[in-house]
Amino acid sequence: MIGARTLPAALAAVLATAPAAADPLVLTKSVTTVSDPLGNTVPRALPGSVTDYRTLVNNPLANLARPVRSVVLVEPLPANVILYVRDLAGAGKGPVEFADGSLLGTGLASSGLSLSYSAAAPAGDGVEFSDGASWAYQPAPDANGYDARVRAIRLTLSGTFATNTSFQLRYRVRIR
């Protein structure tokens, strides 16, 4: 063919084996007020109110041929909130709840991901805290379980994110 160019063999081999970039994950964030200091039946977001932040993450079907690994989410905290740093969803679970998107807890349609937490060995788990200066900060809960020095959390999930599945993360804060 006149004017056609061929790629050098080495470059063609690299392009043939290089994984295609995955389509973006779909994140949906929500905030729910759990309680307020006035004891309202329908709690409002007032100073002193407790709220839950949720992040739902979906891996679109377009990623069927493109595995998604090493999912890392950084959740910066608004300046007007304080993170709850004790166990949120049960003893030893830590301050971030990971809910796999499996069908009714059966393991069917599992995301394939997990989030590990260890208060005793924080360097080896998937939850990191930042005080604004570094990711090496270790939270120190006050009498109510909150730490005002935490300014962000970084969550590293292990496994391969199955296509067309989801997971949800939840953490709790108190409004200043």
Protein backbone atom coordinates (compact mmCIF):
# COMPACT_ATOMS: atom_id res chain seq x y z
CA MET A 1 0.00 0.00 0.00
CA ILE A 2 1.45 3.37 -0.99
CA GLY A 3 2.07 5.71 1.96
CA ALA A 4 1.38 3.04 4.58
CA ARG A 5 3.79 2.88 7.48
CA THR A 6 4.64 -0.09 9.62
CA LEU A 7 5.58 0.08 13.26
CA PRO A 8 8.97 -1.22 14.31
CA ALA A 9 8.58 -4.79 15.63
CA ALA A 10 9.62 -3.87 19.20
CA LEU A 11 7.08 -1.02 19.42
CA ALA A 12 4.32 -3.18 17.93
CA ALA A 13 5.02 -5.88 20.55
CA VAL A 14 4.76 -3.33 23.39
CA LEU A 15 1.51 -1.90 22.08
CA ALA A 16 0.02 -5.37 21.70
CA THR A 17 0.73 -6.31 25.33
CA ALA A 18 0.13 -2.95 27.02
CA PRO A 19 -3.18 -2.95 28.92
CA ALA A 20 -5.75 -0.45 27.77
CA ALA A 21 -6.68 2.21 30.28
CA ALA A 22 -9.82 1.39 32.23
CA ASP A 23 -12.91 3.55 31.95
CA PRO A 24 -13.42 5.82 34.96
CA LEU A 25 -15.12 4.38 38.01
CA VAL A 26 -18.46 5.97 38.92
CA LEU A 27 -18.54 7.53 42.40
CA THR A 28 -21.69 8.68 44.14
CA LYS A 29 -21.29 10.54 47.42
CA SER A 30 -23.99 11.19 49.98
CA VAL A 31 -24.24 12.66 53.46
CA THR A 32 -26.88 11.64 56.00
CA THR A 33 -27.44 13.40 59.31
CA VAL A 34 -27.73 10.73 62.01
CA SER A 35 -28.44 12.94 65.03
CA ASP A 36 -28.37 16.56 66.10
CA PRO A 37 -27.80 18.19 69.49
CA LEU A 38 -31.46 19.29 69.70
CA GLY A 39 -32.74 15.71 69.50
CA ASN A 40 -34.95 16.44 66.49
CA THR A 41 -36.93 13.50 65.10
CA VAL A 42 -35.64 14.48 61.65
CA PRO A 43 -32.08 15.54 62.52
CA ARG A 44 -30.60 18.63 60.90
CA ALA A 45 -26.98 19.42 60.06
CA LEU A 46 -26.18 21.77 62.95
CA PRO A 47 -22.95 22.27 64.89
CA GLY A 48 -22.63 19.18 67.08
CA SER A 49 -24.64 16.98 64.67
CA VAL A 50 -23.36 13.53 63.72
CA THR A 51 -23.37 12.72 60.01
CA ASP A 52 -22.43 9.71 57.91
CA TYR A 53 -20.52 10.19 54.67
CA ARG A 54 -21.03 7.43 52.09
CA THR A 55 -19.19 6.82 48.85
CA LEU A 56 -20.66 4.27 46.44
CA VAL A 57 -18.17 3.12 43.78
CA ASN A 58 -19.28 1.29 40.63
CA ASN A 59 -17.03 -0.39 38.07
CA PRO A 60 -18.79 0.05 34.70
CA LEU A 61 -19.43 -2.80 32.29
CA ALA A 62 -17.13 -1.05 29.80
CA ASN A 63 -14.21 -2.37 31.89
CA LEU A 64 -15.04 -6.00 31.11
CA ALA A 65 -11.73 -6.56 29.28
CA ARG A 66 -9.75 -4.12 31.43
CA PRO A 67 -9.06 -5.27 34.99
CA VAL A 68 -9.18 -2.57 37.65
CA ARG A 69 -6.63 -3.15 40.43
CA SER A 70 -5.16 -1.02 43.18
CA VAL A 71 -8.21 1.05 43.98
CA VAL A 72 -7.14 3.98 46.16
CA LEU A 73 -9.55 6.64 47.36
CA VAL A 74 -8.56 9.80 49.18
CA GLU A 75 -11.33 11.39 51.20
CA PRO A 76 -10.43 14.94 52.28
CA LEU A 77 -12.51 16.11 55.23
CA PRO A 78 -14.27 19.48 55.14
CA ALA A 79 -12.78 21.97 57.60
CA ASN A 80 -15.99 22.06 59.64
CA VAL A 81 -16.05 18.34 60.58
CA ILE A 82 -14.22 16.00 62.98
CA LEU A 83 -13.68 12.33 62.06
CA TYR A 84 -14.92 9.51 64.30
CA VAL A 85 -11.84 7.27 64.67
CA ARG A 86 -13.13 4.36 66.78
CA ASP A 87 -14.72 1.18 65.39
CA LEU A 88 -17.76 2.14 63.35
CA ALA A 89 -19.23 -1.15 62.13
CA GLY A 90 -18.12 -3.59 64.82
CA ALA A 91 -15.15 -4.43 67.02
CA GLY A 92 -11.85 -4.32 65.16
CA LYS A 93 -13.39 -2.98 61.93
CA GLY A 94 -12.00 0.55 62.26
CA PRO A 95 -13.50 3.94 61.50
CA VAL A 96 -14.41 3.14 57.87
CA GLU A 97 -17.09 0.61 57.01
CA PHE A 98 -16.55 -1.34 53.77
CA ALA A 99 -19.74 -2.85 52.34
CA ASP A 100 -19.15 -5.19 49.42
CA GLY A 101 -21.71 -4.97 46.66
CA SER A 102 -22.53 -8.66 46.87
CA LEU A 103 -26.09 -9.76 46.32
CA LEU A 104 -27.79 -9.90 49.75
CA GLY A 105 -24.47 -10.89 51.39
CA THR A 106 -24.36 -14.17 49.44
CA GLY A 107 -21.01 -13.48 47.81
CA LEU A 108 -22.67 -13.46 44.39
CA ALA A 109 -21.77 -10.34 42.43
CA SER A 110 -18.96 -9.58 44.88
CA SER A 111 -16.74 -6.64 43.99
CA GLY A 112 -13.64 -8.77 44.52
CA LEU A 113 -12.16 -6.06 46.76
CA SER A 114 -11.51 -5.87 50.48
CA LEU A 115 -10.37 -3.22 52.94
CA SER A 116 -8.14 -4.27 55.81
CA TYR A 117 -7.75 -2.41 59.09
CA SER A 118 -5.52 -3.10 62.07
CA ALA A 119 -5.21 -0.70 64.98
CA ALA A 120 -2.27 -2.80 66.23
CA ALA A 121 -0.36 -2.74 62.92
CA PRO A 122 -1.52 0.37 61.06
CA ALA A 123 1.44 0.39 58.66
CA GLY A 124 0.18 -2.80 57.02
CA ASP A 125 -3.51 -2.03 56.61
CA GLY A 126 -5.51 -0.20 53.97
CA VAL A 127 -6.55 2.84 56.04
CA GLU A 128 -4.25 5.84 56.41
CA PHE A 129 -4.85 9.15 58.15
CA SER A 130 -3.42 12.57 57.39
CA ASP A 131 -3.14 15.49 59.75
CA GLY A 132 -2.49 17.76 56.78
CA ALA A 133 1.28 17.31 57.01
CA SER A 134 1.78 13.58 56.32
CA TRP A 135 0.02 10.23 55.93
CA ALA A 136 1.82 8.84 58.98
CA TYR A 137 -0.56 10.39 61.51
CA GLN A 138 -2.03 7.96 64.07
CA PRO A 139 -5.41 9.11 65.38
CA ALA A 140 -5.95 9.79 69.07
CA PRO A 141 -9.67 9.70 69.91
CA ASP A 142 -11.13 12.16 72.37
CA ALA A 143 -13.64 11.00 75.03
CA ASN A 144 -16.35 10.67 72.35
CA GLY A 145 -14.17 8.86 69.79
CA TYR A 146 -13.40 11.81 67.48
CA ASP A 147 -10.02 13.25 66.42
CA ALA A 148 -10.01 16.86 65.19
CA ARG A 149 -6.45 16.57 63.81
CA VAL A 150 -7.41 14.12 61.03
CA ARG A 151 -7.86 16.12 57.82
CA ALA A 152 -8.08 13.29 55.27
CA ILE A 153 -8.26 9.51 55.00
CA ARG A 154 -6.68 7.38 52.28
CA LEU A 155 -8.20 3.97 51.60
CA THR A 156 -6.31 1.29 49.65
CA LEU A 157 -8.47 -1.66 48.66
CA SER A 158 -6.90 -4.96 47.73
CA GLY A 159 -8.02 -7.34 45.00
CA THR A 160 -9.31 -6.90 41.47
CA PHE A 161 -12.51 -4.87 41.10
CA ALA A 162 -15.01 -7.08 39.26
CA THR A 163 -16.74 -5.44 36.32
CA ASN A 164 -20.32 -4.23 36.77
CA THR A 165 -20.16 -4.50 40.58
CA SER A 166 -19.90 -1.97 43.37
CA PHE A 167 -18.86 -1.35 46.94
CA GLN A 168 -19.69 1.31 49.50
CA LEU A 169 -17.57 3.09 52.09
CA ARG A 170 -19.00 4.85 55.13
CA TYR A 171 -17.37 7.00 57.76
CA ARG A 172 -18.80 9.24 60.47
CA VAL A 173 -18.08 12.83 61.39
CA ARG A 174 -19.34 15.44 63.83
CA ILE A 175 -19.98 18.97 62.63
CA ARG A 176 -17.89 21.57 64.49
